[in-house]
């Protein structure tokens, strides 16, 4: 079981299917790691090739196997359009510690609809047992003896 901090570098996307008929789409991403959800900035007017270069931090504390990135097109006068999603397996980063920016396929309704470039870094939590009489309070060790 992996425990620690997962840093996700959302670099860019390429070849996304344009959801806008008029003008260029304004893509953004929602990153989901188990029950944690983070939202990127909107790449206004970036069309099918947005660049974000944003880092997101997730706490991994139980058996998380995937990071899901859902891409949307921000719309002003209607609900945002779902562009597609990428499911990124996390086992390789748990083993290696770091995966350089890598391209993953974006799919919608089981069809390819572009690529997303993401880098991953995992920092495991030290898993040491506390010594007799020690308790941890917010990162500080305090003896229970006076």
N, C-alpha and C. Protein backbone atom coordinates (compact mmCIF):
# COMPACT_ATOMS: atom_id res chain seq x y z
N UNK A 1 0.85 -1.18 0.00
CA UNK A 1 0.00 0.00 0.00
C UNK A 1 0.89 1.24 0.00
N UNK A 2 0.70 2.11 -0.97
CA UNK A 2 1.48 3.33 -1.09
C UNK A 2 0.87 4.43 -0.22
N UNK A 3 1.73 5.09 0.54
CA UNK A 3 1.30 6.23 1.35
C UNK A 3 2.29 7.35 1.12
N UNK A 4 1.78 8.55 0.86
CA UNK A 4 2.67 9.67 0.66
C UNK A 4 2.00 10.79 -0.11
N UNK A 5 2.84 11.54 -0.83
CA UNK A 5 2.38 12.70 -1.58
C UNK A 5 2.62 12.49 -3.06
N UNK A 6 1.59 12.73 -3.86
CA UNK A 6 1.69 12.62 -5.31
C UNK A 6 1.63 14.02 -5.90
N UNK A 7 2.70 14.39 -6.63
CA UNK A 7 2.74 15.68 -7.32
C UNK A 7 2.46 15.40 -8.80
N UNK A 8 1.47 16.08 -9.33
CA UNK A 8 1.07 15.90 -10.72
C UNK A 8 1.35 17.19 -11.48
N UNK A 9 2.20 17.10 -12.51
CA UNK A 9 2.48 18.25 -13.38
C UNK A 9 1.63 18.09 -14.63
N UNK A 10 0.60 18.92 -14.74
CA UNK A 10 -0.26 18.94 -15.93
C UNK A 10 0.40 19.88 -16.92
N UNK A 11 1.00 19.32 -17.97
CA UNK A 11 1.78 20.11 -18.91
C UNK A 11 0.90 20.70 -20.01
N UNK A 12 0.31 19.82 -20.83
CA UNK A 12 -0.43 20.30 -22.00
C UNK A 12 -1.30 19.19 -22.57
N UNK A 13 -2.05 19.54 -23.60
CA UNK A 13 -2.83 18.56 -24.36
C UNK A 13 -2.63 18.87 -25.84
N UNK A 14 -2.90 17.88 -26.66
CA UNK A 14 -2.65 18.04 -28.09
C UNK A 14 -3.68 17.23 -28.87
N UNK A 15 -4.15 17.80 -29.97
CA UNK A 15 -5.05 17.07 -30.85
C UNK A 15 -6.42 16.78 -30.27
N UNK A 16 -6.86 17.59 -29.31
CA UNK A 16 -8.18 17.36 -28.72
C UNK A 16 -9.26 17.62 -29.76
N UNK A 17 -10.34 16.86 -29.69
CA UNK A 17 -11.47 17.11 -30.58
C UNK A 17 -12.15 18.38 -30.12
N UNK A 18 -12.22 19.36 -30.99
CA UNK A 18 -12.77 20.68 -30.64
C UNK A 18 -14.27 20.58 -30.40
N UNK A 19 -14.69 20.99 -29.22
CA UNK A 19 -16.10 20.93 -28.85
C UNK A 19 -16.88 22.16 -29.32
N UNK A 20 -16.17 23.21 -29.73
CA UNK A 20 -16.84 24.44 -30.17
C UNK A 20 -16.98 24.48 -31.69
N UNK A 21 -18.18 24.86 -32.14
CA UNK A 21 -18.42 25.00 -33.58
C UNK A 21 -17.87 26.34 -34.05
N UNK A 22 -18.14 27.37 -33.27
CA UNK A 22 -17.65 28.71 -33.57
C UNK A 22 -16.53 29.08 -32.61
N UNK A 23 -15.42 29.55 -33.12
CA UNK A 23 -14.31 29.95 -32.26
C UNK A 23 -13.52 28.76 -31.74
N UNK A 24 -12.58 29.07 -30.83
CA UNK A 24 -11.74 28.03 -30.25
C UNK A 24 -12.25 27.69 -28.86
N UNK A 25 -12.09 26.42 -28.50
CA UNK A 25 -12.56 26.02 -27.17
C UNK A 25 -11.62 26.53 -26.08
N UNK A 26 -12.14 26.57 -24.86
CA UNK A 26 -11.42 27.03 -23.69
C UNK A 26 -11.29 25.86 -22.71
N UNK A 27 -10.28 24.99 -22.91
CA UNK A 27 -10.19 23.77 -22.12
C UNK A 27 -9.68 23.98 -20.70
N UNK A 28 -10.17 23.13 -19.81
CA UNK A 28 -9.65 23.01 -18.46
C UNK A 28 -9.71 21.54 -18.07
N UNK A 29 -9.01 21.20 -16.99
CA UNK A 29 -8.94 19.80 -16.56
C UNK A 29 -9.40 19.67 -15.12
N UNK A 30 -10.03 18.56 -14.83
CA UNK A 30 -10.34 18.18 -13.45
C UNK A 30 -9.56 16.91 -13.18
N UNK A 31 -8.70 16.95 -12.16
CA UNK A 31 -7.86 15.82 -11.80
C UNK A 31 -8.48 15.15 -10.58
N UNK A 32 -8.64 13.83 -10.66
CA UNK A 32 -9.30 13.09 -9.59
C UNK A 32 -8.39 11.95 -9.13
N UNK A 33 -8.08 11.95 -7.85
CA UNK A 33 -7.30 10.89 -7.24
C UNK A 33 -8.11 10.38 -6.05
N UNK A 34 -8.77 9.26 -6.26
CA UNK A 34 -9.72 8.67 -5.31
C UNK A 34 -10.81 9.68 -4.96
N UNK A 35 -10.84 10.24 -3.77
CA UNK A 35 -11.91 11.19 -3.41
C UNK A 35 -11.43 12.64 -3.42
N UNK A 36 -10.21 12.88 -3.89
CA UNK A 36 -9.69 14.25 -3.98
C UNK A 36 -9.84 14.75 -5.42
N UNK A 37 -10.27 15.99 -5.55
CA UNK A 37 -10.51 16.56 -6.87
C UNK A 37 -9.89 17.95 -6.94
N UNK A 38 -9.14 18.22 -8.02
CA UNK A 38 -8.50 19.53 -8.24
C UNK A 38 -8.86 20.00 -9.65
N UNK A 39 -8.95 21.32 -9.81
CA UNK A 39 -9.31 21.89 -11.12
C UNK A 39 -8.19 22.81 -11.61
N UNK A 40 -7.85 22.66 -12.88
CA UNK A 40 -6.81 23.51 -13.48
C UNK A 40 -7.42 24.86 -13.85
N UNK A 41 -6.57 25.76 -14.25
CA UNK A 41 -7.05 27.02 -14.81
C UNK A 41 -7.63 26.73 -16.20
N UNK A 42 -8.39 27.67 -16.72
CA UNK A 42 -8.96 27.53 -18.06
C UNK A 42 -7.98 28.13 -19.06
N UNK A 43 -7.63 27.36 -20.08
CA UNK A 43 -6.73 27.84 -21.13
C UNK A 43 -7.58 28.55 -22.18
N UNK A 44 -7.92 29.79 -21.90
CA UNK A 44 -8.85 30.57 -22.75
C UNK A 44 -8.34 30.70 -24.18
N UNK A 45 -9.18 30.29 -25.11
CA UNK A 45 -8.87 30.43 -26.54
C UNK A 45 -7.76 29.53 -27.03
N UNK A 46 -7.36 28.53 -26.23
CA UNK A 46 -6.23 27.67 -26.61
C UNK A 46 -6.64 26.60 -27.62
N UNK A 47 -7.94 26.39 -27.79
CA UNK A 47 -8.40 25.42 -28.77
C UNK A 47 -8.02 24.00 -28.40
N UNK A 48 -7.57 23.24 -29.39
CA UNK A 48 -7.29 21.83 -29.18
C UNK A 48 -5.86 21.55 -28.69
N UNK A 49 -5.07 22.61 -28.43
CA UNK A 49 -3.69 22.42 -27.98
C UNK A 49 -3.37 23.31 -26.78
N UNK A 50 -4.07 23.14 -25.65
CA UNK A 50 -3.83 23.98 -24.48
C UNK A 50 -2.52 23.64 -23.76
N UNK A 51 -1.97 24.65 -23.07
CA UNK A 51 -0.81 24.45 -22.20
C UNK A 51 -1.16 25.01 -20.84
N UNK A 52 -0.87 24.21 -19.80
CA UNK A 52 -1.17 24.65 -18.44
C UNK A 52 0.10 24.82 -17.62
N UNK A 53 0.98 23.82 -17.61
CA UNK A 53 2.19 23.81 -16.77
C UNK A 53 1.84 24.13 -15.31
N UNK A 54 0.87 23.40 -14.78
CA UNK A 54 0.42 23.56 -13.40
C UNK A 54 0.70 22.30 -12.62
N UNK A 55 1.03 22.48 -11.34
CA UNK A 55 1.29 21.34 -10.46
C UNK A 55 0.18 21.21 -9.43
N UNK A 56 -0.22 19.98 -9.19
CA UNK A 56 -1.27 19.67 -8.22
C UNK A 56 -0.71 18.64 -7.24
N UNK A 57 -1.12 18.74 -5.98
CA UNK A 57 -0.61 17.84 -4.95
C UNK A 57 -1.77 17.05 -4.35
N UNK A 58 -1.59 15.74 -4.28
CA UNK A 58 -2.58 14.84 -3.70
C UNK A 58 -1.94 14.05 -2.56
N UNK A 59 -2.71 13.77 -1.54
CA UNK A 59 -2.26 12.90 -0.46
C UNK A 59 -2.76 11.50 -0.77
N UNK A 60 -1.83 10.57 -0.84
CA UNK A 60 -2.18 9.18 -1.14
C UNK A 60 -2.07 8.40 0.16
N UNK A 61 -3.19 7.85 0.63
CA UNK A 61 -3.16 7.16 1.91
C UNK A 61 -3.73 5.75 1.87
N UNK A 62 -4.28 5.34 0.77
CA UNK A 62 -4.75 3.96 0.68
C UNK A 62 -4.57 3.45 -0.74
N UNK A 63 -5.21 2.37 -1.06
CA UNK A 63 -4.93 1.69 -2.33
C UNK A 63 -5.48 2.44 -3.55
N UNK A 64 -4.83 3.53 -3.89
CA UNK A 64 -5.17 4.30 -5.09
C UNK A 64 -4.44 3.65 -6.26
N UNK A 65 -5.16 3.39 -7.36
CA UNK A 65 -4.52 2.73 -8.50
C UNK A 65 -4.42 3.62 -9.73
N UNK A 66 -5.30 4.64 -9.84
CA UNK A 66 -5.33 5.49 -11.03
C UNK A 66 -5.49 6.96 -10.66
N UNK A 67 -5.01 7.80 -11.55
CA UNK A 67 -5.31 9.22 -11.54
C UNK A 67 -6.18 9.44 -12.77
N UNK A 68 -7.33 10.06 -12.60
CA UNK A 68 -8.21 10.34 -13.74
C UNK A 68 -8.17 11.83 -14.02
N UNK A 69 -7.96 12.17 -15.29
CA UNK A 69 -7.98 13.57 -15.71
C UNK A 69 -9.10 13.73 -16.72
N UNK A 70 -10.10 14.54 -16.36
CA UNK A 70 -11.23 14.80 -17.25
C UNK A 70 -11.06 16.19 -17.85
N UNK A 71 -11.20 16.27 -19.16
CA UNK A 71 -11.06 17.54 -19.87
C UNK A 71 -12.42 18.07 -20.28
N UNK A 72 -12.59 19.38 -20.08
CA UNK A 72 -13.84 20.06 -20.41
C UNK A 72 -13.55 21.32 -21.21
N UNK A 73 -14.57 21.76 -21.93
CA UNK A 73 -14.52 23.03 -22.66
C UNK A 73 -15.44 24.00 -21.90
N UNK A 74 -14.87 25.07 -21.39
CA UNK A 74 -15.63 26.07 -20.64
C UNK A 74 -16.54 26.83 -21.60
N UNK A 75 -17.84 26.85 -21.29
CA UNK A 75 -18.81 27.60 -22.09
C UNK A 75 -19.46 28.66 -21.22
N UNK A 76 -19.75 29.81 -21.81
CA UNK A 76 -20.32 30.92 -21.07
C UNK A 76 -21.83 30.82 -20.93
N UNK A 77 -22.50 30.51 -22.01
CA UNK A 77 -23.97 30.56 -22.01
C UNK A 77 -24.64 29.19 -21.93
N UNK A 78 -23.86 28.12 -21.79
CA UNK A 78 -24.42 26.78 -21.64
C UNK A 78 -23.51 25.97 -20.73
N UNK A 79 -23.90 24.74 -20.43
CA UNK A 79 -23.06 23.92 -19.56
C UNK A 79 -21.78 23.55 -20.30
N UNK A 80 -20.71 23.33 -19.53
CA UNK A 80 -19.42 23.01 -20.11
C UNK A 80 -19.48 21.65 -20.83
N UNK A 81 -18.75 21.55 -21.95
CA UNK A 81 -18.74 20.32 -22.74
C UNK A 81 -17.65 19.38 -22.25
N UNK A 82 -18.00 18.10 -22.12
CA UNK A 82 -17.02 17.07 -21.78
C UNK A 82 -16.24 16.74 -23.04
N UNK A 83 -14.90 16.86 -22.97
CA UNK A 83 -14.06 16.61 -24.14
C UNK A 83 -13.54 15.17 -24.15
N UNK A 84 -13.18 14.65 -22.98
CA UNK A 84 -12.66 13.30 -22.87
C UNK A 84 -11.89 13.14 -21.57
N UNK A 85 -11.35 11.93 -21.35
CA UNK A 85 -10.62 11.70 -20.11
C UNK A 85 -9.45 10.75 -20.33
N UNK A 86 -8.48 10.84 -19.43
CA UNK A 86 -7.34 9.94 -19.43
C UNK A 86 -7.26 9.29 -18.06
N UNK A 87 -7.06 7.98 -18.04
CA UNK A 87 -6.85 7.26 -16.78
C UNK A 87 -5.38 6.86 -16.75
N UNK A 88 -4.68 7.37 -15.75
CA UNK A 88 -3.24 7.14 -15.66
C UNK A 88 -2.96 6.17 -14.51
N UNK A 89 -2.36 5.01 -14.80
CA UNK A 89 -2.02 4.06 -13.75
C UNK A 89 -0.91 4.62 -12.86
N UNK A 90 -1.04 4.45 -11.54
CA UNK A 90 -0.08 5.03 -10.61
C UNK A 90 0.99 4.05 -10.12
N UNK A 91 0.81 2.76 -10.35
CA UNK A 91 1.81 1.79 -9.88
C UNK A 91 3.23 2.12 -10.35
N UNK A 92 3.45 2.52 -11.62
CA UNK A 92 4.82 2.83 -12.04
C UNK A 92 5.47 3.96 -11.23
N UNK A 93 4.71 4.99 -10.88
CA UNK A 93 5.32 6.10 -10.12
C UNK A 93 5.55 5.69 -8.67
N UNK A 94 4.73 4.78 -8.13
CA UNK A 94 4.96 4.28 -6.77
C UNK A 94 6.27 3.50 -6.72
N UNK A 95 6.60 2.78 -7.80
CA UNK A 95 7.83 1.98 -7.86
C UNK A 95 9.04 2.87 -8.18
N UNK A 96 8.93 3.72 -9.20
CA UNK A 96 10.04 4.52 -9.69
C UNK A 96 10.29 5.79 -8.88
N UNK A 97 9.22 6.35 -8.31
CA UNK A 97 9.34 7.61 -7.57
C UNK A 97 9.08 8.83 -8.43
N UNK A 98 9.38 8.72 -9.72
CA UNK A 98 9.17 9.85 -10.62
C UNK A 98 9.00 9.35 -12.05
N UNK A 99 8.03 9.92 -12.76
CA UNK A 99 7.81 9.63 -14.17
C UNK A 99 7.87 10.98 -14.89
N UNK A 100 8.82 11.17 -15.82
CA UNK A 100 8.90 12.45 -16.52
C UNK A 100 7.64 12.70 -17.34
N UNK A 101 7.40 13.95 -17.77
CA UNK A 101 6.20 14.22 -18.56
C UNK A 101 6.04 13.21 -19.70
N UNK A 102 4.91 12.53 -19.67
CA UNK A 102 4.60 11.43 -20.59
C UNK A 102 3.26 11.70 -21.24
N UNK A 103 3.09 11.22 -22.46
CA UNK A 103 1.84 11.42 -23.19
C UNK A 103 0.90 10.24 -22.93
N UNK A 104 -0.35 10.58 -22.60
CA UNK A 104 -1.40 9.59 -22.37
C UNK A 104 -2.56 9.90 -23.31
N UNK A 105 -3.26 8.85 -23.75
CA UNK A 105 -4.40 9.03 -24.65
C UNK A 105 -5.61 9.56 -23.89
N UNK A 106 -6.34 10.47 -24.55
CA UNK A 106 -7.61 10.98 -24.04
C UNK A 106 -8.70 10.26 -24.83
N UNK A 107 -9.68 9.70 -24.12
CA UNK A 107 -10.75 8.97 -24.78
C UNK A 107 -12.12 9.49 -24.34
N UNK A 108 -13.07 9.34 -25.24
CA UNK A 108 -14.47 9.68 -24.95
C UNK A 108 -15.31 8.62 -25.64
N UNK A 109 -16.21 7.99 -24.90
CA UNK A 109 -17.04 6.91 -25.44
C UNK A 109 -16.18 5.84 -26.10
N UNK A 110 -15.07 5.49 -25.47
CA UNK A 110 -14.11 4.47 -25.92
C UNK A 110 -13.45 4.80 -27.25
N UNK A 111 -13.45 6.09 -27.64
CA UNK A 111 -12.78 6.50 -28.87
C UNK A 111 -11.69 7.51 -28.55
N UNK A 112 -10.56 7.36 -29.25
CA UNK A 112 -9.43 8.27 -29.09
C UNK A 112 -9.84 9.69 -29.49
N UNK A 113 -9.50 10.67 -28.65
CA UNK A 113 -9.84 12.05 -29.01
C UNK A 113 -8.76 13.05 -28.59
N UNK A 114 -7.51 12.61 -28.59
CA UNK A 114 -6.40 13.51 -28.30
C UNK A 114 -5.42 12.91 -27.30
N UNK A 115 -4.48 13.77 -26.88
CA UNK A 115 -3.43 13.34 -25.95
C UNK A 115 -3.27 14.39 -24.85
N UNK A 116 -2.77 13.91 -23.71
CA UNK A 116 -2.47 14.81 -22.62
C UNK A 116 -1.07 14.46 -22.10
N UNK A 117 -0.31 15.50 -21.72
CA UNK A 117 1.06 15.29 -21.25
C UNK A 117 1.11 15.59 -19.76
N UNK A 118 1.55 14.59 -18.99
CA UNK A 118 1.53 14.68 -17.53
C UNK A 118 2.82 14.10 -16.95
N UNK A 119 3.38 14.78 -15.95
CA UNK A 119 4.52 14.27 -15.20
C UNK A 119 4.08 13.92 -13.79
N UNK A 120 4.69 12.89 -13.20
CA UNK A 120 4.29 12.44 -11.87
C UNK A 120 5.50 12.27 -10.96
N UNK A 121 5.35 12.65 -9.70
CA UNK A 121 6.38 12.42 -8.69
C UNK A 121 5.70 11.95 -7.42
N UNK A 122 6.22 10.87 -6.84
CA UNK A 122 5.65 10.33 -5.61
C UNK A 122 6.70 10.37 -4.51
N UNK A 123 6.33 10.94 -3.37
CA UNK A 123 7.20 10.99 -2.20
C UNK A 123 6.54 10.16 -1.10
N UNK A 124 7.11 9.00 -0.78
CA UNK A 124 6.49 8.17 0.25
C UNK A 124 6.65 8.79 1.64
N UNK A 125 5.69 8.48 2.50
CA UNK A 125 5.75 8.91 3.89
C UNK A 125 6.62 7.92 4.62
N UNK A 126 7.46 8.44 5.52
CA UNK A 126 8.28 7.55 6.33
C UNK A 126 7.36 6.72 7.19
N UNK A 127 7.52 5.42 7.14
CA UNK A 127 6.63 4.54 7.89
C UNK A 127 7.41 3.94 9.06
N UNK A 128 7.66 4.76 10.07
CA UNK A 128 8.40 4.26 11.22
C UNK A 128 7.45 4.13 12.40
N UNK A 129 7.74 3.22 13.27
CA UNK A 129 6.89 3.08 14.46
C UNK A 129 7.38 4.06 15.52
N UNK A 130 6.47 4.54 16.31
CA UNK A 130 6.82 5.47 17.37
C UNK A 130 7.50 4.73 18.51
N UNK A 131 8.44 5.40 19.15
CA UNK A 131 9.11 4.80 20.28
C UNK A 131 8.18 4.80 21.49
N UNK A 132 8.48 3.97 22.46
CA UNK A 132 7.64 3.86 23.65
C UNK A 132 7.47 5.22 24.31
N UNK A 133 6.22 5.59 24.58
CA UNK A 133 5.95 6.84 25.28
C UNK A 133 5.87 8.06 24.38
N UNK A 134 6.09 7.89 23.06
CA UNK A 134 6.02 9.04 22.14
C UNK A 134 4.67 9.08 21.44
N UNK A 135 4.17 10.28 21.25
CA UNK A 135 2.99 10.49 20.43
C UNK A 135 3.31 11.61 19.46
N UNK A 136 2.67 11.61 18.31
CA UNK A 136 2.89 12.69 17.35
C UNK A 136 1.71 13.63 17.36
N UNK A 137 2.01 14.92 17.41
CA UNK A 137 1.00 15.96 17.38
C UNK A 137 1.37 16.94 16.29
N UNK A 138 0.70 16.86 15.14
CA UNK A 138 0.93 17.83 14.05
C UNK A 138 2.37 17.90 13.60
N UNK A 139 3.08 16.78 13.62
CA UNK A 139 4.46 16.78 13.14
C UNK A 139 5.46 16.95 14.26
N UNK A 140 5.04 17.29 15.47
CA UNK A 140 5.94 17.45 16.61
C UNK A 140 5.88 16.20 17.46
N UNK A 141 7.02 15.77 17.95
CA UNK A 141 7.05 14.64 18.86
C UNK A 141 6.99 15.18 20.28
N UNK A 142 6.17 14.54 21.10
CA UNK A 142 6.07 14.98 22.47
C UNK A 142 6.09 13.75 23.36
N UNK A 143 6.94 13.79 24.36
CA UNK A 143 7.03 12.67 25.28
C UNK A 143 5.84 12.69 26.22
N UNK A 144 5.35 11.53 26.59
CA UNK A 144 4.24 11.48 27.53
C UNK A 144 4.74 11.47 28.97
N UNK A 145 6.08 11.44 29.12
CA UNK A 145 6.66 11.48 30.47
C UNK A 145 7.01 12.92 30.84
N UNK A 146 6.87 13.27 32.12
CA UNK A 146 7.17 14.64 32.60
C UNK A 146 8.58 14.76 33.07
